[in-house]
Amino acid sequence: MIPFFYVLIADGSSDRSLVPIVSWAIRQVQAKASLAPPKFIVRGGQSIDETLRDAISSYRPDLVFVHRDAEGIPRNSRRREIPSQHAVVPVIPVRMTEASLTA
């Protein structure tokens, strides 16, 4: 079986806590999936479009998850920041990830 490989593009390093959650979600959909270790990318000051392009060309993942915290901005506005394209999955928690996981 060919391992399933994904990339998680995040706002900051503390969003690494999403990796096990994303892996769990994939296994809920495909229980027998063999997951390759994911690539975690902090985009820093780079635009989402540029980071996404770089990630796809460099790593050739099966899926790319793009994380954006809502930070008080309406969910639909955050969703529009993430390109709608094949194999790109938006991840937009309503609360900051760190707060959600420690609450």
PDB file of N, CA and C in Angstrom:
ATOM      1  N   MET A   1       0.848  -1.186   0.000  1.00  0.00           N
ATOM      2  CA  MET A   1       0.000   0.000   0.000  1.00  0.00           C
ATOM      3  C   MET A   1       0.891   1.246   0.000  1.00  0.00           C
ATOM      4  N   ILE A   2       0.575   2.171  -0.877  1.00  0.00           N
ATOM      5  CA  ILE A   2       1.321   3.428  -0.944  1.00  0.00           C
ATOM      6  C   ILE A   2       0.861   4.319   0.203  1.00  0.00           C
ATOM      7  N   PRO A   3       1.799   4.844   0.992  1.00  0.00           N
ATOM      8  CA  PRO A   3       1.404   5.714   2.116  1.00  0.00           C
ATOM      9  C   PRO A   3       0.720   6.993   1.631  1.00  0.00           C
ATOM     10  N   PHE A   4      -0.263   7.421   2.396  1.00  0.00           N
ATOM     11  CA  PHE A   4      -0.984   8.665   2.149  1.00  0.00           C
ATOM     12  C   PHE A   4      -0.161   9.784   2.778  1.00  0.00           C
ATOM     13  N   PHE A   5       0.104  10.847   2.024  1.00  0.00           N
ATOM     14  CA  PHE A   5       0.959  11.928   2.511  1.00  0.00           C
ATOM     15  C   PHE A   5       0.217  13.257   2.445  1.00  0.00           C
ATOM     16  N   TYR A   6       0.234  13.988   3.551  1.00  0.00           N
ATOM     17  CA  TYR A   6      -0.387  15.311   3.552  1.00  0.00           C
ATOM     18  C   TYR A   6       0.543  16.368   4.105  1.00  0.00           C
ATOM     19  N   VAL A   7       0.222  17.605   3.756  1.00  0.00           N
ATOM     20  CA  VAL A   7       0.929  18.783   4.244  1.00  0.00           C
ATOM     21  C   VAL A   7      -0.070  19.604   5.043  1.00  0.00           C
ATOM     22  N   LEU A   8       0.379  20.150   6.162  1.00  0.00           N
ATOM     23  CA  LEU A   8      -0.430  21.086   6.940  1.00  0.00           C
ATOM     24  C   LEU A   8       0.274  22.431   6.921  1.00  0.00           C
ATOM     25  N   ILE A   9      -0.374  23.421   6.324  1.00  0.00           N
ATOM     26  CA  ILE A   9       0.144  24.789   6.303  1.00  0.00           C
ATOM     27  C   ILE A   9      -0.524  25.527   7.450  1.00  0.00           C
ATOM     28  N   ALA A  10       0.301  26.127   8.304  1.00  0.00           N
ATOM     29  CA  ALA A  10      -0.215  26.740   9.523  1.00  0.00           C
ATOM     30  C   ALA A  10       0.211  28.196   9.654  1.00  0.00           C
ATOM     31  N   ASP A  11      -0.487  28.894  10.544  1.00  0.00           N
ATOM     32  CA  ASP A  11      -0.151  30.285  10.839  1.00  0.00           C
ATOM     33  C   ASP A  11       1.099  30.380  11.709  1.00  0.00           C
ATOM     34  N   GLY A  12       1.242  29.465  12.663  1.00  0.00           N
ATOM     35  CA  GLY A  12       2.363  29.513  13.596  1.00  0.00           C
ATOM     36  C   GLY A  12       2.755  28.135  14.083  1.00  0.00           C
ATOM     37  N   SER A  13       3.882  28.055  14.776  1.00  0.00           N
ATOM     38  CA  SER A  13       4.412  26.767  15.227  1.00  0.00           C
ATOM     39  C   SER A  13       3.517  26.081  16.251  1.00  0.00           C
ATOM     40  N   SER A  14       2.751  26.838  17.018  1.00  0.00           N
ATOM     41  CA  SER A  14       1.874  26.220  18.023  1.00  0.00           C
ATOM     42  C   SER A  14       0.729  25.441  17.366  1.00  0.00           C
ATOM     43  N   ASP A  15       0.501  25.673  16.085  1.00  0.00           N
ATOM     44  CA  ASP A  15      -0.559  24.951  15.369  1.00  0.00           C
ATOM     45  C   ASP A  15      -0.157  23.509  15.037  1.00  0.00           C
ATOM     46  N   ARG A  16       1.051  23.133  15.385  1.00  0.00           N
ATOM     47  CA  ARG A  16       1.511  21.755  15.194  1.00  0.00           C
ATOM     48  C   ARG A  16       0.585  20.776  15.928  1.00  0.00           C
ATOM     49  N   SER A  17      -0.107  21.276  16.951  1.00  0.00           N
ATOM     50  CA  SER A  17      -1.038  20.430  17.704  1.00  0.00           C
ATOM     51  C   SER A  17      -2.188  19.924  16.831  1.00  0.00           C
ATOM     52  N   LEU A  18      -2.362  20.495  15.655  1.00  0.00           N
ATOM     53  CA  LEU A  18      -3.400  20.026  14.736  1.00  0.00           C
ATOM     54  C   LEU A  18      -3.014  18.740  14.003  1.00  0.00           C
ATOM     55  N   VAL A  19      -1.720  18.425  13.933  1.00  0.00           N
ATOM     56  CA  VAL A  19      -1.269  17.258  13.164  1.00  0.00           C
ATOM     57  C   VAL A  19      -1.966  15.972  13.624  1.00  0.00           C
ATOM     58  N   PRO A  20      -1.983  15.641  14.933  1.00  0.00           N
ATOM     59  CA  PRO A  20      -2.673  14.406  15.317  1.00  0.00           C
ATOM     60  C   PRO A  20      -4.182  14.452  15.061  1.00  0.00           C
ATOM     61  N   ILE A  21      -4.773  15.631  15.124  1.00  0.00           N
ATOM     62  CA  ILE A  21      -6.209  15.764  14.878  1.00  0.00           C
ATOM     63  C   ILE A  21      -6.512  15.517  13.403  1.00  0.00           C
ATOM     64  N   VAL A  22      -5.700  16.089  12.515  1.00  0.00           N
ATOM     65  CA  VAL A  22      -5.884  15.877  11.080  1.00  0.00           C
ATOM     66  C   VAL A  22      -5.651  14.405  10.742  1.00  0.00           C
ATOM     67  N   SER A  23      -4.614  13.799  11.315  1.00  0.00           N
ATOM     68  CA  SER A  23      -4.343  12.375  11.070  1.00  0.00           C
ATOM     69  C   SER A  23      -5.510  11.524  11.551  1.00  0.00           C
ATOM     70  N   TRP A  24      -6.059  11.846  12.706  1.00  0.00           N
ATOM     71  CA  TRP A  24      -7.220  11.121  13.234  1.00  0.00           C
ATOM     72  C   TRP A  24      -8.399  11.247  12.270  1.00  0.00           C
ATOM     73  N   ALA A  25      -8.644  12.460  11.772  1.00  0.00           N
ATOM     74  CA  ALA A  25      -9.780  12.693  10.862  1.00  0.00           C
ATOM     75  C   ALA A  25      -9.613  11.880   9.574  1.00  0.00           C
ATOM     76  N   ILE A  26      -8.402  11.821   9.059  1.00  0.00           N
ATOM     77  CA  ILE A  26      -8.159  11.023   7.847  1.00  0.00           C
ATOM     78  C   ILE A  26      -8.473   9.562   8.116  1.00  0.00           C
ATOM     79  N   ARG A  27      -8.062   9.079   9.273  1.00  0.00           N
ATOM     80  CA  ARG A  27      -8.313   7.670   9.613  1.00  0.00           C
ATOM     81  C   ARG A  27      -9.801   7.390   9.825  1.00  0.00           C
ATOM     82  N   GLN A  28     -10.576   8.393  10.176  1.00  0.00           N
ATOM     83  CA  GLN A  28     -12.021   8.210  10.313  1.00  0.00           C
ATOM     84  C   GLN A  28     -12.673   7.979   8.956  1.00  0.00           C
ATOM     85  N   VAL A  29     -12.107   8.600   7.934  1.00  0.00           N
ATOM     86  CA  VAL A  29     -12.630   8.465   6.581  1.00  0.00           C
ATOM     87  C   VAL A  29     -12.056   7.227   5.892  1.00  0.00           C
ATOM     88  N   GLN A  30     -10.792   6.960   6.140  1.00  0.00           N
ATOM     89  CA  GLN A  30     -10.107   5.830   5.507  1.00  0.00           C
ATOM     90  C   GLN A  30      -9.337   5.066   6.587  1.00  0.00           C
ATOM     91  N   ALA A  31     -10.029   4.161   7.253  1.00  0.00           N
ATOM     92  CA  ALA A  31      -9.481   3.454   8.415  1.00  0.00           C
ATOM     93  C   ALA A  31      -8.192   2.701   8.108  1.00  0.00           C
ATOM     94  N   LYS A  32      -8.055   2.200   6.908  1.00  0.00           N
ATOM     95  CA  LYS A  32      -6.880   1.393   6.578  1.00  0.00           C
ATOM     96  C   LYS A  32      -5.752   2.216   5.950  1.00  0.00           C
ATOM     97  N   ALA A  33      -5.894   3.518   5.960  1.00  0.00           N
ATOM     98  CA  ALA A  33      -4.868   4.365   5.344  1.00  0.00           C
ATOM     99  C   ALA A  33      -3.535   4.207   6.065  1.00  0.00           C
ATOM    100  N   SER A  34      -2.504   4.078   5.286  1.00  0.00           N
ATOM    101  CA  SER A  34      -1.144   4.076   5.810  1.00  0.00           C
ATOM    102  C   SER A  34      -0.646   5.511   5.661  1.00  0.00           C
ATOM    103  N   LEU A  35      -0.496   6.206   6.778  1.00  0.00           N
ATOM    104  CA  LEU A  35      -0.111   7.614   6.720  1.00  0.00           C
ATOM    105  C   LEU A  35       1.397   7.772   6.764  1.00  0.00           C
ATOM    106  N   ALA A  36       1.934   8.485   5.795  1.00  0.00           N
ATOM    107  CA  ALA A  36       3.338   8.878   5.827  1.00  0.00           C
ATOM    108  C   ALA A  36       3.451  10.041   6.806  1.00  0.00           C
ATOM    109  N   PRO A  37       4.611  10.245   7.417  1.00  0.00           N
ATOM    110  CA  PRO A  37       4.757  11.405   8.300  1.00  0.00           C
ATOM    111  C   PRO A  37       4.422  12.682   7.537  1.00  0.00           C
ATOM    112  N   PRO A  38       3.526  13.502   8.080  1.00  0.00           N
ATOM    113  CA  PRO A  38       3.123  14.720   7.367  1.00  0.00           C
ATOM    114  C   PRO A  38       4.209  15.784   7.400  1.00  0.00           C
ATOM    115  N   LYS A  39       4.102  16.721   6.491  1.00  0.00           N
ATOM    116  CA  LYS A  39       4.989  17.882   6.472  1.00  0.00           C
ATOM    117  C   LYS A  39       4.224  19.044   7.086  1.00  0.00           C
ATOM    118  N   PHE A  40       4.801  19.672   8.098  1.00  0.00           N
ATOM    119  CA  PHE A  40       4.205  20.819   8.782  1.00  0.00           C
ATOM    120  C   PHE A  40       4.948  22.069   8.327  1.00  0.00           C
ATOM    121  N   ILE A  41       4.208  23.023   7.782  1.00  0.00           N
ATOM    122  CA  ILE A  41       4.814  24.249   7.256  1.00  0.00           C
ATOM    123  C   ILE A  41       4.192  25.453   7.941  1.00  0.00           C
ATOM    124  N   VAL A  42       5.042  26.290   8.522  1.00  0.00           N
ATOM    125  CA  VAL A  42       4.589  27.575   9.060  1.00  0.00           C
ATOM    126  C   VAL A  42       4.840  28.597   7.960  1.00  0.00           C
ATOM    127  N   ARG A  43       3.778  29.252   7.529  1.00  0.00           N
ATOM    128  CA  ARG A  43       3.929  30.142   6.381  1.00  0.00           C
ATOM    129  C   ARG A  43       4.564  31.468   6.739  1.00  0.00           C
ATOM    130  N   GLY A  44       4.590  31.848   8.003  1.00  0.00           N
ATOM    131  CA  GLY A  44       5.223  33.099   8.399  1.00  0.00           C
ATOM    132  C   GLY A  44       4.630  34.265   7.642  1.00  0.00           C
ATOM    133  N   GLY A  45       5.462  35.080   7.024  1.00  0.00           N
ATOM    134  CA  GLY A  45       4.983  36.246   6.287  1.00  0.00           C
ATOM    135  C   GLY A  45       4.604  35.954   4.855  1.00  0.00           C
ATOM    136  N   GLN A  46       4.785  34.712   4.415  1.00  0.00           N
ATOM    137  CA  GLN A  46       4.465  34.343   3.034  1.00  0.00           C
ATOM    138  C   GLN A  46       2.954  34.249   2.855  1.00  0.00           C
ATOM    139  N   SER A  47       2.468  34.598   1.683  1.00  0.00           N
ATOM    140  CA  SER A  47       1.033  34.518   1.418  1.00  0.00           C
ATOM    141  C   SER A  47       0.594  33.052   1.385  1.00  0.00           C
ATOM    142  N   ILE A  48      -0.700  32.838   1.606  1.00  0.00           N
ATOM    143  CA  ILE A  48      -1.240  31.479   1.543  1.00  0.00           C
ATOM    144  C   ILE A  48      -1.049  30.917   0.137  1.00  0.00           C
ATOM    145  N   ASP A  49      -1.352  31.704  -0.891  1.00  0.00           N
ATOM    146  CA  ASP A  49      -1.204  31.235  -2.277  1.00  0.00           C
ATOM    147  C   ASP A  49       0.226  30.788  -2.570  1.00  0.00           C
ATOM    148  N   GLU A  50       1.189  31.603  -2.176  1.00  0.00           N
ATOM    149  CA  GLU A  50       2.596  31.290  -2.439  1.00  0.00           C
ATOM    150  C   GLU A  50       3.041  30.049  -1.661  1.00  0.00           C
ATOM    151  N   THR A  51       2.643  29.973  -0.398  1.00  0.00           N
ATOM    152  CA  THR A  51       3.008  28.814   0.422  1.00  0.00           C
ATOM    153  C   THR A  51       2.390  27.547  -0.144  1.00  0.00           C
ATOM    154  N   LEU A  52       1.154  27.642  -0.573  1.00  0.00           N
ATOM    155  CA  LEU A  52       0.458  26.499  -1.152  1.00  0.00           C
ATOM    156  C   LEU A  52       1.152  26.031  -2.432  1.00  0.00           C
ATOM    157  N   ARG A  53       1.477  26.957  -3.306  1.00  0.00           N
ATOM    158  CA  ARG A  53       2.190  26.623  -4.546  1.00  0.00           C
ATOM    159  C   ARG A  53       3.522  25.926  -4.246  1.00  0.00           C
ATOM    160  N   ASP A  54       4.282  26.495  -3.301  1.00  0.00           N
ATOM    161  CA  ASP A  54       5.578  25.913  -2.933  1.00  0.00           C
ATOM    162  C   ASP A  54       5.412  24.517  -2.354  1.00  0.00           C
ATOM    163  N   ALA A  55       4.427  24.338  -1.492  1.00  0.00           N
ATOM    164  CA  ALA A  55       4.202  23.039  -0.850  1.00  0.00           C
ATOM    165  C   ALA A  55       3.832  21.978  -1.875  1.00  0.00           C
ATOM    166  N   ILE A  56       2.949  22.317  -2.798  1.00  0.00           N
ATOM    167  CA  ILE A  56       2.516  21.350  -3.809  1.00  0.00           C
ATOM    168  C   ILE A  56       3.669  20.988  -4.745  1.00  0.00           C
ATOM    169  N   SER A  57       4.429  21.974  -5.180  1.00  0.00           N
ATOM    170  CA  SER A  57       5.525  21.672  -6.109  1.00  0.00           C
ATOM    171  C   SER A  57       6.687  20.960  -5.411  1.00  0.00           C
ATOM    172  N   SER A  58       6.938  21.269  -4.152  1.00  0.00           N
ATOM    173  CA  SER A  58       8.061  20.647  -3.439  1.00  0.00           C
ATOM    174  C   SER A  58       7.758  19.249  -2.924  1.00  0.00           C
ATOM    175  N   TYR A  59       6.541  19.017  -2.444  1.00  0.00           N
ATOM    176  CA  TYR A  59       6.247  17.767  -1.735  1.00  0.00           C
ATOM    177  C   TYR A  59       5.268  16.835  -2.457  1.00  0.00           C
ATOM    178  N   ARG A  60       4.512  17.334  -3.402  1.00  0.00           N
ATOM    179  CA  ARG A  60       3.531  16.513  -4.129  1.00  0.00           C
ATOM    180  C   ARG A  60       2.626  15.708  -3.185  1.00  0.00           C
ATOM    181  N   PRO A  61       1.965  16.400  -2.245  1.00  0.00           N
ATOM    182  CA  PRO A  61       1.127  15.685  -1.273  1.00  0.00           C
ATOM    183  C   PRO A  61      -0.190  15.209  -1.882  1.00  0.00           C
ATOM    184  N   ASP A  62      -0.813  14.239  -1.209  1.00  0.00           N
ATOM    185  CA  ASP A  62      -2.149  13.793  -1.602  1.00  0.00           C
ATOM    186  C   ASP A  62      -3.192  14.848  -1.241  1.00  0.00           C
ATOM    187  N   LEU A  63      -3.012  15.484  -0.092  1.00  0.00           N
ATOM    188  CA  LEU A  63      -3.893  16.563   0.368  1.00  0.00           C
ATOM    189  C   LEU A  63      -3.052  17.643   1.033  1.00  0.00           C
ATOM    190  N   VAL A  64      -3.566  18.871   0.972  1.00  0.00           N
ATOM    191  CA  VAL A  64      -2.958  19.981   1.701  1.00  0.00           C
ATOM    192  C   VAL A  64      -4.037  20.579   2.588  1.00  0.00           C
ATOM    193  N   PHE A  65      -3.773  20.631   3.881  1.00  0.00           N
ATOM    194  CA  PHE A  65      -4.663  21.276   4.835  1.00  0.00           C
ATOM    195  C   PHE A  65      -4.104  22.660   5.109  1.00  0.00           C
ATOM    196  N   VAL A  66      -4.959  23.678   5.007  1.00  0.00           N
ATOM    197  CA  VAL A  66      -4.533  25.058   5.243  1.00  0.00           C
ATOM    198  C   VAL A  66      -5.286  25.574   6.455  1.00  0.00           C
ATOM    199  N   HIS A  67      -4.529  25.890   7.501  1.00  0.00           N
ATOM    200  CA  HIS A  67      -5.116  26.346   8.760  1.00  0.00           C
ATOM    201  C   HIS A  67      -5.116  27.863   8.851  1.00  0.00           C
ATOM    202  N   ARG A  68      -6.247  28.403   9.275  1.00  0.00           N
ATOM    203  CA  ARG A  68      -6.377  29.830   9.601  1.00  0.00           C
ATOM    204  C   ARG A  68      -7.289  29.927  10.810  1.00  0.00           C
ATOM    205  N   ASP A  69      -6.820  30.552  11.888  1.00  0.00           N
ATOM    206  CA  ASP A  69      -7.696  30.808  13.033  1.00  0.00           C
ATOM    207  C   ASP A  69      -8.690  31.896  12.645  1.00  0.00           C
ATOM    208  N   ALA A  70      -9.886  31.799  13.187  1.00  0.00           N
ATOM    209  CA  ALA A  70     -10.916  32.798  12.890  1.00  0.00           C
ATOM    210  C   ALA A  70     -10.517  34.175  13.425  1.00  0.00           C
ATOM    211  N   GLU A  71      -9.959  34.215  14.629  1.00  0.00           N
ATOM    212  CA  GLU A  71      -9.482  35.466  15.239  1.00  0.00           C
ATOM    213  C   GLU A  71     -10.509  36.587  15.164  1.00  0.00           C
ATOM    214  N   GLY A  72     -11.778  36.241  15.369  1.00  0.00           N
ATOM    215  CA  GLY A  72     -12.838  37.245  15.372  1.00  0.00           C
ATOM    216  C   GLY A  72     -13.317  37.655  13.993  1.00  0.00           C
ATOM    217  N   ILE A  73     -12.698  37.127  12.969  1.00  0.00           N
ATOM    218  CA  ILE A  73     -13.106  37.430  11.591  1.00  0.00           C
ATOM    219  C   ILE A  73     -14.137  36.381  11.182  1.00  0.00           C
ATOM    220  N   PRO A  74     -15.194  36.771  10.487  1.00  0.00           N
ATOM    221  CA  PRO A  74     -16.208  35.786  10.092  1.00  0.00           C
ATOM    222  C   PRO A  74     -15.601  34.609   9.327  1.00  0.00           C
ATOM    223  N   ARG A  75     -16.126  33.429   9.599  1.00  0.00           N
ATOM    224  CA  ARG A  75     -15.617  32.195   8.999  1.00  0.00           C
ATOM    225  C   ARG A  75     -15.575  32.294   7.474  1.00  0.00           C
ATOM    226  N   ASN A  76     -16.616  32.854   6.872  1.00  0.00           N
ATOM    227  CA  ASN A  76     -16.653  32.965   5.410  1.00  0.00           C
ATOM    228  C   ASN A  76     -15.520  33.828   4.862  1.00  0.00           C
ATOM    229  N   SER A  77     -15.137  34.857   5.606  1.00  0.00           N
ATOM    230  CA  SER A  77     -14.017  35.706   5.175  1.00  0.00           C
ATOM    231  C   SER A  77     -12.722  34.918   5.209  1.00  0.00           C
ATOM    232  N   ARG A  78     -12.514  34.159   6.288  1.00  0.00           N
ATOM    233  CA  ARG A  78     -11.312  33.321   6.381  1.00  0.00           C
ATOM    234  C   ARG A  78     -11.315  32.268   5.280  1.00  0.00           C
ATOM    235  N   ARG A  79     -12.477  31.702   5.008  1.00  0.00           N
ATOM    236  CA  ARG A  79     -12.580  30.659   3.980  1.00  0.00           C
ATOM    237  C   ARG A  79     -12.166  31.198   2.619  1.00  0.00           C
ATOM    238  N   ARG A  80     -12.523  32.447   2.324  1.00  0.00           N
ATOM    239  CA  ARG A  80     -12.161  33.052   1.037  1.00  0.00           C
ATOM    240  C   ARG A  80     -10.650  33.273   0.912  1.00  0.00           C
ATOM    241  N   GLU A  81      -9.926  33.304   2.024  1.00  0.00           N
ATOM    242  CA  GLU A  81      -8.470  33.471   1.979  1.00  0.00           C
ATOM    243  C   GLU A  81      -7.762  32.208   1.480  1.00  0.00           C
ATOM    244  N   ILE A  82      -8.451  31.072   1.564  1.00  0.00           N
ATOM    245  CA  ILE A  82      -7.858  29.786   1.195  1.00  0.00           C
ATOM    246  C   ILE A  82      -8.356  29.417  -0.200  1.00  0.00           C
ATOM    247  N   PRO A  83      -7.438  29.235  -1.142  1.00  0.00           N
ATOM    248  CA  PRO A  83      -7.862  28.917  -2.517  1.00  0.00           C
ATOM    249  C   PRO A  83      -8.721  27.654  -2.577  1.00  0.00           C
ATOM    250  N   SER A  84      -9.782  27.735  -3.357  1.00  0.00           N
ATOM    251  CA  SER A  84     -10.638  26.565  -3.594  1.00  0.00           C
ATOM    252  C   SER A  84     -10.051  25.807  -4.764  1.00  0.00           C
ATOM    253  N   GLN A  85      -9.403  24.719  -4.458  1.00  0.00           N
ATOM    254  CA  GLN A  85      -8.850  23.888  -5.518  1.00  0.00           C
ATOM    255  C   GLN A  85      -8.799  22.444  -5.056  1.00  0.00           C
ATOM    256  N   HIS A  86      -8.666  21.570  -6.007  1.00  0.00           N
ATOM    257  CA  HIS A  86      -8.629  20.143  -5.738  1.00  0.00           C
ATOM    258  C   HIS A  86      -7.532  19.830  -4.724  1.00  0.00           C
ATOM    259  N   ALA A  87      -7.855  19.000  -3.750  1.00  0.00           N
ATOM    260  CA  ALA A  87      -6.910  18.491  -2.746  1.00  0.00           C
ATOM    261  C   ALA A  87      -6.468  19.542  -1.724  1.00  0.00           C
ATOM    262  N   VAL A  88      -7.197  20.660  -1.613  1.00  0.00           N
ATOM    263  CA  VAL A  88      -6.910  21.665  -0.588  1.00  0.00           C
ATOM    264  C   VAL A  88      -8.087  21.694   0.373  1.00  0.00           C
ATOM    265  N   VAL A  89      -7.788  21.492   1.671  1.00  0.00           N
ATOM    266  CA  VAL A  89      -8.830  21.416   2.688  1.00  0.00           C
ATOM    267  C   VAL A  89      -8.629  22.556   3.683  1.00  0.00           C
ATOM    268  N   PRO A  90      -9.608  23.461   3.808  1.00  0.00           N
ATOM    269  CA  PRO A  90      -9.474  24.525   4.807  1.00  0.00           C
ATOM    270  C   PRO A  90      -9.722  23.991   6.212  1.00  0.00           C
ATOM    271  N   VAL A  91      -8.946  24.492   7.157  1.00  0.00           N
ATOM    272  CA  VAL A  91      -9.107  24.150   8.580  1.00  0.00           C
ATOM    273  C   VAL A  91      -9.237  25.480   9.307  1.00  0.00           C
ATOM    274  N   ILE A  92     -10.471  25.806   9.756  1.00  0.00           N
ATOM    275  CA  ILE A  92     -10.730  27.113  10.360  1.00  0.00           C
ATOM    276  C   ILE A  92     -11.423  26.926  11.706  1.00  0.00           C
ATOM    277  N   PRO A  93     -10.639  26.720  12.778  1.00  0.00           N
ATOM    278  CA  PRO A  93     -11.266  26.623  14.094  1.00  0.00           C
ATOM    279  C   PRO A  93     -11.888  27.966  14.484  1.00  0.00           C
ATOM    280  N   VAL A  94     -12.999  27.911  15.192  1.00  0.00           N
ATOM    281  CA  VAL A  94     -13.656  29.139  15.631  1.00  0.00           C
ATOM    282  C   VAL A  94     -12.857  29.780  16.764  1.00  0.00           C
ATOM    283  N   ARG A  95     -12.265  28.933  17.598  1.00  0.00           N
ATOM    284  CA  ARG A  95     -11.369  29.424  18.655  1.00  0.00           C
ATOM    285  C   ARG A  95      -9.949  29.096  18.264  1.00  0.00           C
ATOM    286  N   MET A  96      -8.993  29.880  18.806  1.00  0.00           N
ATOM    287  CA  MET A  96      -7.587  29.577  18.511  1.00  0.00           C
ATOM    288  C   MET A  96      -7.295  28.132  18.901  1.00  0.00           C
ATOM    289  N   THR A  97      -6.508  27.462  18.111  1.00  0.00           N
ATOM    290  CA  THR A  97      -6.198  26.044  18.330  1.00  0.00           C
ATOM    291  C   THR A  97      -5.655  25.804  19.720  1.00  0.00           C
ATOM    292  N   GLU A  98      -4.701  26.607  20.159  1.00  0.00           N
ATOM    293  CA  GLU A  98      -4.091  26.390  21.465  1.00  0.00           C
ATOM    294  C   GLU A  98      -5.148  26.488  22.576  1.00  0.00           C
ATOM    295  N   ALA A  99      -6.056  27.429  22.454  1.00  0.00           N
ATOM    296  CA  ALA A  99      -7.103  27.609  23.465  1.00  0.00           C
ATOM    297  C   ALA A  99      -8.045  26.408  23.458  1.00  0.00           C
ATOM    298  N   SER A 100      -8.381  25.903  22.266  1.00  0.00           N
ATOM    299  CA  SER A 100      -9.287  24.772  22.151  1.00  0.00           C
ATOM    300  C   SER A 100      -8.710  23.529  22.784  1.00  0.00           C
ATOM    301  N   LEU A 101      -7.417  23.326  22.632  1.00  0.00           N
ATOM    302  CA  LEU A 101      -6.793  22.093  23.105  1.00  0.00           C
ATOM    303  C   LEU A 101      -6.430  22.136  24.586  1.00  0.00           C
ATOM    304  N   THR A 102      -6.437  23.321  25.176  1.00  0.00           N
ATOM    305  CA  THR A 102      -6.103  23.413  26.593  1.00  0.00           C
ATOM    306  C   THR A 102      -7.316  23.709  27.460  1.00  0.00           C
ATOM    307  N   ALA A 103      -8.454  23.983  26.826  1.00  0.00           N
ATOM    308  CA  ALA A 103      -9.652  24.315  27.582  1.00  0.00           C
ATOM    309  C   ALA A 103     -10.271  23.079  28.212  1.00  0.00           C
TER     310      ALA A 103
END
